[in-house]
C-alpha cells in the first residue's frame, strides 16, 4: 500500500520530457558509428527517395505539358474558327457589294435606255411636226388645179429622193466585234456613243472616239450633238469605236 501510495504521490513526467529523452536516445544512437551495411542501406534509401522524387517531378511535368498542349490546341481551334468566321463574313460582304454594284449598273443602264427612248420619241415627234408643217405650206401655196397637181405630185414622187426615218449603223469594236443597231435619222451622234458604251463590255473605257472608215473622219465633241442626217450617216454607215481621251461632249 505504501508503495502504491508512493507511486501515486510521485509527479508524472511531462510528455515533452518523454520526447526529449527519446530524441536524446536517437542522437546517442545516431552518434554511434555506422557499419558498412547500415551506410549502404541508408544510401540505397536516399537514392530511392531521390529517384522517386524525380519520377514524381517528371510525372508532374508530363501532366503539365499535356495540359499546355490541350490549351494550345484549343487556342488554335479557336483561332481557326475565328479566322474562318472572319473570312466568311468578308466573303458575304463582298458578295453583297457585288450584288449592289450589279443592281446599280442595271439601274444606270435602264435610266440611259429610257433617256434614249425619250430622246427618240421627242425627235420623232419633232420630225413629224416639221414634216406636217411643210406639207401644209406646200399645199396652201400651190394654185395649180387638181389634175395637173396630181400629175405633178406623181412626177415629183418619181423623181424625188427617198426620205429615210432610220439609219442602220454598224459599229466595229477594237476586238473586231460588230454591233448593228438602227437609230432615228434625227438622233444625235452621242446616242451611238452611249449605245456602244453599254454594249462593249467595258473594253473601251468611259471615253470613246467615233470615226468613219471611208472617208476617214474622227468626230469631234461638238459633232456629238449633231443629227445622223446632218452628218451624212443615213441610210447606213460603218462607225469605228476606239478608246478616246476625256473631251467635252
C-alpha atoms as a PDB file:
ATOM      1  CA  UNK A   1       0.000   0.000   0.000  1.00  0.00           C
ATOM      2  CA  UNK A   2       2.773   2.303   0.859  1.00  0.00           C
ATOM      3  CA  UNK A   3       4.471   1.501  -2.439  1.00  0.00           C
ATOM      4  CA  UNK A   4       1.321   2.302  -4.310  1.00  0.00           C
ATOM      5  CA  UNK A   5       0.957   5.452  -2.387  1.00  0.00           C
ATOM      6  CA  UNK A   6       4.426   6.478  -3.157  1.00  0.00           C
ATOM      7  CA  UNK A   7       3.784   5.860  -6.835  1.00  0.00           C
ATOM      8  CA  UNK A   8       0.683   7.943  -6.688  1.00  0.00           C
ATOM      9  CA  UNK A   9       2.492  10.682  -4.899  1.00  0.00           C
ATOM     10  CA  UNK A  10       5.282  10.777  -7.421  1.00  0.00           C
ATOM     11  CA  UNK A  11       4.641  13.543 -10.045  1.00  0.00           C
ATOM     12  CA  UNK A  12       4.106  12.458 -13.646  1.00  0.00           C
ATOM     13  CA  UNK A  13       6.768  13.409 -16.206  1.00  0.00           C
ATOM     14  CA  UNK A  14       5.592  15.784 -18.897  1.00  0.00           C
ATOM     15  CA  UNK A  15       5.163  14.427 -22.434  1.00  0.00           C
ATOM     16  CA  UNK A  16       7.765  16.874 -23.722  1.00  0.00           C
ATOM     17  CA  UNK A  17      10.261  15.401 -21.357  1.00  0.00           C
ATOM     18  CA  UNK A  18       9.460  11.968 -22.783  1.00  0.00           C
ATOM     19  CA  UNK A  19      10.054  13.117 -26.387  1.00  0.00           C
ATOM     20  CA  UNK A  20      13.208  14.874 -25.336  1.00  0.00           C
ATOM     21  CA  UNK A  21      14.512  11.705 -23.808  1.00  0.00           C
ATOM     22  CA  UNK A  22      13.615   9.720 -26.922  1.00  0.00           C
ATOM     23  CA  UNK A  23      15.338  12.302 -29.136  1.00  0.00           C
ATOM     24  CA  UNK A  24      18.360  12.157 -26.922  1.00  0.00           C
ATOM     25  CA  UNK A  25      18.419   8.422 -27.292  1.00  0.00           C
ATOM     26  CA  UNK A  26      18.185   8.776 -31.118  1.00  0.00           C
ATOM     27  CA  UNK A  27      21.032  11.254 -31.092  1.00  0.00           C
ATOM     28  CA  UNK A  28      23.032   8.918 -28.966  1.00  0.00           C
ATOM     29  CA  UNK A  29      22.257   6.083 -31.349  1.00  0.00           C
ATOM     30  CA  UNK A  30      22.993   8.196 -34.460  1.00  0.00           C
ATOM     31  CA  UNK A  31      26.232   9.297 -32.959  1.00  0.00           C
ATOM     32  CA  UNK A  32      27.285   5.757 -32.896  1.00  0.00           C
ATOM     33  CA  UNK A  33      29.458   4.810 -35.831  1.00  0.00           C
ATOM     34  CA  UNK A  34      27.522   3.046 -38.616  1.00  0.00           C
ATOM     35  CA  UNK A  35      28.549  -0.193 -40.067  1.00  0.00           C
ATOM     36  CA  UNK A  36      29.166  -0.557 -43.777  1.00  0.00           C
ATOM     37  CA  UNK A  37      25.864  -2.388 -44.171  1.00  0.00           C
ATOM     38  CA  UNK A  38      23.982   0.447 -42.459  1.00  0.00           C
ATOM     39  CA  UNK A  39      25.733   3.040 -44.591  1.00  0.00           C
ATOM     40  CA  UNK A  40      24.875   1.123 -47.756  1.00  0.00           C
ATOM     41  CA  UNK A  41      21.271   0.741 -46.641  1.00  0.00           C
ATOM     42  CA  UNK A  42      20.952   4.477 -45.894  1.00  0.00           C
ATOM     43  CA  UNK A  43      22.490   5.339 -49.262  1.00  0.00           C
ATOM     44  CA  UNK A  44      20.139   2.986 -51.049  1.00  0.00           C
ATOM     45  CA  UNK A  45      17.128   4.509 -49.304  1.00  0.00           C
ATOM     46  CA  UNK A  46      18.304   8.026 -50.128  1.00  0.00           C
ATOM     47  CA  UNK A  47      18.799   7.103 -53.793  1.00  0.00           C
ATOM     48  CA  UNK A  48      15.352   5.530 -53.902  1.00  0.00           C
ATOM     49  CA  UNK A  49      13.803   8.688 -52.426  1.00  0.00           C
ATOM     50  CA  UNK A  50      15.660  10.830 -54.961  1.00  0.00           C
ATOM     51  CA  UNK A  51      14.616   8.539 -57.788  1.00  0.00           C
ATOM     52  CA  UNK A  52      11.011   8.559 -56.581  1.00  0.00           C
ATOM     53  CA  UNK A  53      11.025  12.322 -56.302  1.00  0.00           C
ATOM     54  CA  UNK A  54      12.481  12.630 -59.795  1.00  0.00           C
ATOM     55  CA  UNK A  55       9.760  10.364 -61.164  1.00  0.00           C
ATOM     56  CA  UNK A  56       7.110  12.432 -59.404  1.00  0.00           C
ATOM     57  CA  UNK A  57       8.543  15.622 -60.886  1.00  0.00           C
ATOM     58  CA  UNK A  58       8.663  14.056 -64.340  1.00  0.00           C
ATOM     59  CA  UNK A  59       5.068  12.907 -63.996  1.00  0.00           C
ATOM     60  CA  UNK A  60       4.010  16.381 -62.919  1.00  0.00           C
ATOM     61  CA  UNK A  61       5.853  17.918 -65.889  1.00  0.00           C
ATOM     62  CA  UNK A  62       4.264  15.394 -68.238  1.00  0.00           C
ATOM     63  CA  UNK A  63       0.785  16.281 -66.970  1.00  0.00           C
ATOM     64  CA  UNK A  64       1.542  19.993 -67.225  1.00  0.00           C
ATOM     65  CA  UNK A  65       2.782  19.522 -70.803  1.00  0.00           C
ATOM     66  CA  UNK A  66      -0.401  17.622 -71.671  1.00  0.00           C
ATOM     67  CA  UNK A  67      -2.487  20.459 -70.250  1.00  0.00           C
ATOM     68  CA  UNK A  68      -0.417  23.030 -72.120  1.00  0.00           C
ATOM     69  CA  UNK A  69      -0.820  21.058 -75.352  1.00  0.00           C
ATOM     70  CA  UNK A  70      -4.572  20.874 -74.800  1.00  0.00           C
ATOM     71  CA  UNK A  71      -4.635  24.598 -74.185  1.00  0.00           C
ATOM     72  CA  UNK A  72      -2.596  25.264 -77.341  1.00  0.00           C
ATOM     73  CA  UNK A  73      -4.864  23.050 -79.412  1.00  0.00           C
ATOM     74  CA  UNK A  74      -7.957  24.725 -78.016  1.00  0.00           C
ATOM     75  CA  UNK A  75      -6.486  28.163 -78.735  1.00  0.00           C
ATOM     76  CA  UNK A  76      -5.514  27.007 -82.227  1.00  0.00           C
ATOM     77  CA  UNK A  77      -9.018  25.720 -82.852  1.00  0.00           C
ATOM     78  CA  UNK A  78     -10.478  28.981 -81.583  1.00  0.00           C
ATOM     79  CA  UNK A  79      -8.156  30.972 -83.844  1.00  0.00           C
ATOM     80  CA  UNK A  80      -9.050  28.810 -86.861  1.00  0.00           C
ATOM     81  CA  UNK A  81     -12.723  29.181 -86.040  1.00  0.00           C
ATOM     82  CA  UNK A  82     -12.429  32.943 -85.664  1.00  0.00           C
ATOM     83  CA  UNK A  83     -10.426  33.199 -88.894  1.00  0.00           C
ATOM     84  CA  UNK A  84     -12.948  31.084 -90.784  1.00  0.00           C
ATOM     85  CA  UNK A  85     -15.791  33.203 -89.439  1.00  0.00           C
ATOM     86  CA  UNK A  86     -13.994  36.411 -90.466  1.00  0.00           C
ATOM     87  CA  UNK A  87     -13.343  35.035 -93.964  1.00  0.00           C
ATOM     88  CA  UNK A  88     -16.992  34.005 -94.253  1.00  0.00           C
ATOM     89  CA  UNK A  89     -18.144  37.453 -93.207  1.00  0.00           C
ATOM     90  CA  UNK A  90     -15.731  39.080 -95.658  1.00  0.00           C
ATOM     91  CA  UNK A  91     -16.990  36.823 -98.457  1.00  0.00           C
ATOM     92  CA  UNK A  92     -20.576  37.712 -97.574  1.00  0.00           C
ATOM     93  CA  UNK A  93     -19.683  41.378 -97.553  1.00  0.00           C
ATOM     94  CA  UNK A  94     -18.004  41.125-100.974  1.00  0.00           C
ATOM     95  CA  UNK A  95     -20.955  39.187-102.382  1.00  0.00           C
ATOM     96  CA  UNK A  96     -23.368  41.847-101.128  1.00  0.00           C
ATOM     97  CA  UNK A  97     -21.157  44.569-102.583  1.00  0.00           C
ATOM     98  CA  UNK A  98     -21.100  42.836-105.980  1.00  0.00           C
ATOM     99  CA  UNK A  99     -24.876  42.432-105.907  1.00  0.00           C
ATOM    100  CA  UNK A 100     -25.241  46.100-105.055  1.00  0.00           C
ATOM    101  CA  UNK A 101     -22.897  47.124-107.883  1.00  0.00           C
ATOM    102  CA  UNK A 102     -24.798  44.931-110.339  1.00  0.00           C
ATOM    103  CA  UNK A 103     -28.100  46.456-109.248  1.00  0.00           C
ATOM    104  CA  UNK A 104     -26.690  49.959-109.597  1.00  0.00           C
ATOM    105  CA  UNK A 105     -25.237  49.164-113.044  1.00  0.00           C
ATOM    106  CA  UNK A 106     -28.541  47.698-114.150  1.00  0.00           C
ATOM    107  CA  UNK A 107     -30.443  50.746-112.933  1.00  0.00           C
ATOM    108  CA  UNK A 108     -27.945  53.095-114.606  1.00  0.00           C
ATOM    109  CA  UNK A 109     -28.252  51.262-117.922  1.00  0.00           C
ATOM    110  CA  UNK A 110     -32.025  51.258-117.603  1.00  0.00           C
ATOM    111  CA  UNK A 111     -32.039  55.016-116.994  1.00  0.00           C
ATOM    112  CA  UNK A 112     -29.801  55.606-120.020  1.00  0.00           C
ATOM    113  CA  UNK A 113     -32.001  53.414-122.232  1.00  0.00           C
ATOM    114  CA  UNK A 114     -35.095  55.221-121.010  1.00  0.00           C
ATOM    115  CA  UNK A 115     -33.435  58.536-121.741  1.00  0.00           C
ATOM    116  CA  UNK A 116     -32.513  57.380-125.247  1.00  0.00           C
ATOM    117  CA  UNK A 117     -36.076  56.194-125.811  1.00  0.00           C
ATOM    118  CA  UNK A 118     -37.434  59.565-124.667  1.00  0.00           C
ATOM    119  CA  UNK A 119     -34.994  61.404-126.938  1.00  0.00           C
ATOM    120  CA  UNK A 120     -36.008  59.233-129.892  1.00  0.00           C
ATOM    121  CA  UNK A 121     -39.697  59.842-129.213  1.00  0.00           C
ATOM    122  CA  UNK A 122     -39.180  63.598-128.895  1.00  0.00           C
ATOM    123  CA  UNK A 123     -37.105  63.774-132.085  1.00  0.00           C
ATOM    124  CA  UNK A 124     -39.624  61.665-133.969  1.00  0.00           C
ATOM    125  CA  UNK A 125     -42.440  63.900-132.796  1.00  0.00           C
ATOM    126  CA  UNK A 126     -40.486  66.987-133.843  1.00  0.00           C
ATOM    127  CA  UNK A 127     -39.715  65.447-137.241  1.00  0.00           C
ATOM    128  CA  UNK A 128     -43.377  64.560-137.826  1.00  0.00           C
ATOM    129  CA  UNK A 129     -44.439  68.024-136.751  1.00  0.00           C
ATOM    130  CA  UNK A 130     -41.912  69.663-139.050  1.00  0.00           C
ATOM    131  CA  UNK A 131     -42.921  67.382-141.948  1.00  0.00           C
ATOM    132  CA  UNK A 132     -46.617  68.155-141.407  1.00  0.00           C
ATOM    133  CA  UNK A 133     -45.983  71.875-141.348  1.00  0.00           C
ATOM    134  CA  UNK A 134     -44.001  71.650-144.601  1.00  0.00           C
ATOM    135  CA  UNK A 135     -46.776  69.704-146.333  1.00  0.00           C
ATOM    136  CA  UNK A 136     -49.394  72.215-145.213  1.00  0.00           C
ATOM    137  CA  UNK A 137     -47.357  75.131-146.541  1.00  0.00           C
ATOM    138  CA  UNK A 138     -46.794  73.394-149.888  1.00  0.00           C
ATOM    139  CA  UNK A 139     -50.477  72.584-150.296  1.00  0.00           C
ATOM    140  CA  UNK A 140     -51.646  76.114-149.420  1.00  0.00           C
ATOM    141  CA  UNK A 141     -49.171  77.852-151.711  1.00  0.00           C
ATOM    142  CA  UNK A 142     -49.820  75.648-154.829  1.00  0.00           C
ATOM    143  CA  UNK A 143     -52.524  77.348-157.082  1.00  0.00           C
ATOM    144  CA  UNK A 144     -52.487  74.649-159.729  1.00  0.00           C
ATOM    145  CA  UNK A 145     -55.700  72.708-160.482  1.00  0.00           C
ATOM    146  CA  UNK A 146     -56.342  69.246-159.128  1.00  0.00           C
ATOM    147  CA  UNK A 147     -55.424  67.206-162.161  1.00  0.00           C
ATOM    148  CA  UNK A 148     -52.207  68.927-163.011  1.00  0.00           C
ATOM    149  CA  UNK A 149     -51.411  68.878-159.288  1.00  0.00           C
ATOM    150  CA  UNK A 150     -51.881  65.145-159.098  1.00  0.00           C
ATOM    151  CA  UNK A 151     -49.767  64.694-162.202  1.00  0.00           C
ATOM    152  CA  UNK A 152     -47.108  66.958-160.770  1.00  0.00           C
ATOM    153  CA  UNK A 153     -47.219  65.082-157.452  1.00  0.00           C
ATOM    154  CA  UNK A 154     -46.697  61.749-159.148  1.00  0.00           C
ATOM    155  CA  UNK A 155     -43.853  63.144-161.185  1.00  0.00           C
ATOM    156  CA  UNK A 156     -42.298  64.621-158.045  1.00  0.00           C
ATOM    157  CA  UNK A 157     -42.554  61.360-156.140  1.00  0.00           C
ATOM    158  CA  UNK A 158     -40.933  59.513-159.008  1.00  0.00           C
ATOM    159  CA  UNK A 159     -38.080  61.966-159.250  1.00  0.00           C
ATOM    160  CA  UNK A 160     -37.653  62.901-155.565  1.00  0.00           C
ATOM    161  CA  UNK A 161     -35.155  61.271-153.223  1.00  0.00           C
ATOM    162  CA  UNK A 162     -36.491  58.734-150.726  1.00  0.00           C
ATOM    163  CA  UNK A 163     -36.965  60.056-147.203  1.00  0.00           C
ATOM    164  CA  UNK A 164     -35.485  57.772-144.522  1.00  0.00           C
ATOM    165  CA  UNK A 165     -36.629  57.756-140.925  1.00  0.00           C
ATOM    166  CA  UNK A 166     -33.958  55.403-139.597  1.00  0.00           C
ATOM    167  CA  UNK A 167     -30.246  54.889-140.102  1.00  0.00           C
ATOM    168  CA  UNK A 168     -28.775  51.410-139.903  1.00  0.00           C
ATOM    169  CA  UNK A 169     -25.393  51.729-138.169  1.00  0.00           C
ATOM    170  CA  UNK A 170     -22.707  49.055-137.938  1.00  0.00           C
ATOM    171  CA  UNK A 171     -20.296  49.692-135.051  1.00  0.00           C
ATOM    172  CA  UNK A 172     -16.922  47.953-135.079  1.00  0.00           C
ATOM    173  CA  UNK A 173     -15.181  47.445-131.730  1.00  0.00           C
ATOM    174  CA  UNK A 174     -11.396  47.053-131.177  1.00  0.00           C
ATOM    175  CA  UNK A 175     -11.767  43.250-130.820  1.00  0.00           C
ATOM    176  CA  UNK A 176     -13.487  43.104-134.249  1.00  0.00           C
ATOM    177  CA  UNK A 177     -16.898  42.631-132.690  1.00  0.00           C
ATOM    178  CA  UNK A 178     -19.672  44.186-134.777  1.00  0.00           C
ATOM    179  CA  UNK A 179     -22.719  45.857-133.267  1.00  0.00           C
ATOM    180  CA  UNK A 180     -25.611  46.585-135.602  1.00  0.00           C
ATOM    181  CA  UNK A 181     -28.390  48.926-134.483  1.00  0.00           C
ATOM    182  CA  UNK A 182     -30.949  51.225-136.077  1.00  0.00           C
ATOM    183  CA  UNK A 183     -31.231  54.834-134.920  1.00  0.00           C
ATOM    184  CA  UNK A 184     -33.586  57.639-135.802  1.00  0.00           C
ATOM    185  CA  UNK A 185     -32.163  59.920-138.502  1.00  0.00           C
ATOM    186  CA  UNK A 186     -32.606  62.933-136.224  1.00  0.00           C
ATOM    187  CA  UNK A 187     -30.937  61.346-133.208  1.00  0.00           C
ATOM    188  CA  UNK A 188     -27.618  62.877-132.160  1.00  0.00           C
ATOM    189  CA  UNK A 189     -24.335  61.057-132.707  1.00  0.00           C
ATOM    190  CA  UNK A 190     -24.000  60.804-128.921  1.00  0.00           C
ATOM    191  CA  UNK A 191     -26.762  58.144-128.995  1.00  0.00           C
ATOM    192  CA  UNK A 192     -24.398  55.852-130.905  1.00  0.00           C
ATOM    193  CA  UNK A 193     -21.662  56.514-128.360  1.00  0.00           C
ATOM    194  CA  UNK A 194     -23.961  55.717-125.423  1.00  0.00           C
ATOM    195  CA  UNK A 195     -25.176  52.531-127.131  1.00  0.00           C
ATOM    196  CA  UNK A 196     -21.566  51.491-127.776  1.00  0.00           C
ATOM    197  CA  UNK A 197     -20.576  52.123-124.157  1.00  0.00           C
ATOM    198  CA  UNK A 198     -23.441  49.942-122.895  1.00  0.00           C
ATOM    199  CA  UNK A 199     -22.683  47.043-125.236  1.00  0.00           C
ATOM    200  CA  UNK A 200     -18.865  46.973-125.454  1.00  0.00           C
ATOM    201  CA  UNK A 201     -18.333  45.034-122.202  1.00  0.00           C
ATOM    202  CA  UNK A 202     -16.160  47.809-120.834  1.00  0.00           C
ATOM    203  CA  UNK A 203     -13.317  47.326-123.337  1.00  0.00           C
ATOM    204  CA  UNK A 204     -13.411  50.977-124.420  1.00  0.00           C
ATOM    205  CA  UNK A 205     -13.491  52.708-121.035  1.00  0.00           C
ATOM    206  CA  UNK A 206     -15.501  55.825-120.195  1.00  0.00           C
ATOM    207  CA  UNK A 207     -14.299  57.860-123.182  1.00  0.00           C
ATOM    208  CA  UNK A 208     -14.988  56.678-126.732  1.00  0.00           C
ATOM    209  CA  UNK A 209     -13.937  58.109-130.085  1.00  0.00           C
ATOM    210  CA  UNK A 210     -16.183  57.537-133.106  1.00  0.00           C
ATOM    211  CA  UNK A 211     -14.976  57.741-136.680  1.00  0.00           C
ATOM    212  CA  UNK A 212     -15.916  56.682-140.199  1.00  0.00           C
ATOM    213  CA  UNK A 213     -13.836  54.307-142.290  1.00  0.00           C
ATOM    214  CA  UNK A 214     -14.145  55.931-145.702  1.00  0.00           C
ATOM    215  CA  UNK A 215     -13.552  58.733-145.905  1.00  0.00           C
ATOM    216  CA  UNK A 216     -11.559  58.625-142.679  1.00  0.00           C
ATOM    217  CA  UNK A 217     -13.051  61.097-140.207  1.00  0.00           C
ATOM    218  CA  UNK A 218     -12.899  61.332-136.422  1.00  0.00           C
ATOM    219  CA  UNK A 219     -15.954  63.050-134.980  1.00  0.00           C
ATOM    220  CA  UNK A 220     -15.345  65.924-132.577  1.00  0.00           C
ATOM    221  CA  UNK A 221     -17.129  66.675-129.338  1.00  0.00           C
ATOM    222  CA  UNK A 222     -19.284  69.335-130.985  1.00  0.00           C
ATOM    223  CA  UNK A 223     -20.420  66.884-133.654  1.00  0.00           C
ATOM    224  CA  UNK A 224     -21.749  64.542-130.957  1.00  0.00           C
ATOM    225  CA  UNK A 225     -24.812  66.782-130.705  1.00  0.00           C
ATOM    226  CA  UNK A 226     -25.431  66.807-134.471  1.00  0.00           C
ATOM    227  CA  UNK A 227     -28.028  64.503-136.026  1.00  0.00           C
ATOM    228  CA  UNK A 228     -27.140  61.434-138.056  1.00  0.00           C
ATOM    229  CA  UNK A 229     -28.905  63.029-141.029  1.00  0.00           C
ATOM    230  CA  UNK A 230     -26.712  66.134-140.816  1.00  0.00           C
ATOM    231  CA  UNK A 231     -23.538  64.056-140.508  1.00  0.00           C
ATOM    232  CA  UNK A 232     -24.420  62.029-143.632  1.00  0.00           C
ATOM    233  CA  UNK A 233     -24.842  58.716-141.825  1.00  0.00           C
ATOM    234  CA  UNK A 234     -28.225  57.973-143.437  1.00  0.00           C
ATOM    235  CA  UNK A 235     -29.440  55.435-144.547  1.00  0.00           C
ATOM    236  CA  UNK A 236     -26.490  53.325-143.321  1.00  0.00           C
ATOM    237  CA  UNK A 237     -22.912  53.749-142.181  1.00  0.00           C
ATOM    238  CA  UNK A 238     -19.975  51.935-140.616  1.00  0.00           C
ATOM    239  CA  UNK A 239     -18.594  53.519-137.429  1.00  0.00           C
ATOM    240  CA  UNK A 240     -15.286  52.631-135.763  1.00  0.00           C
ATOM    241  CA  UNK A 241     -15.317  52.834-131.964  1.00  0.00           C
ATOM    242  CA  UNK A 242     -11.935  53.275-130.237  1.00  0.00           C
ATOM    243  CA  UNK A 243     -10.644  54.364-126.856  1.00  0.00           C
ATOM    244  CA  UNK A 244     -10.556  58.116-126.579  1.00  0.00           C
ATOM    245  CA  UNK A 245      -9.361  60.840-124.256  1.00  0.00           C
ATOM    246  CA  UNK A 246     -11.515  62.943-121.995  1.00  0.00           C
ATOM    247  CA  UNK A 247     -13.277  65.548-124.066  1.00  0.00           C
ATOM    248  CA  UNK A 248     -16.227  67.792-123.570  1.00  0.00           C
ATOM    249  CA  UNK A 249     -19.437  66.493-125.077  1.00  0.00           C
END
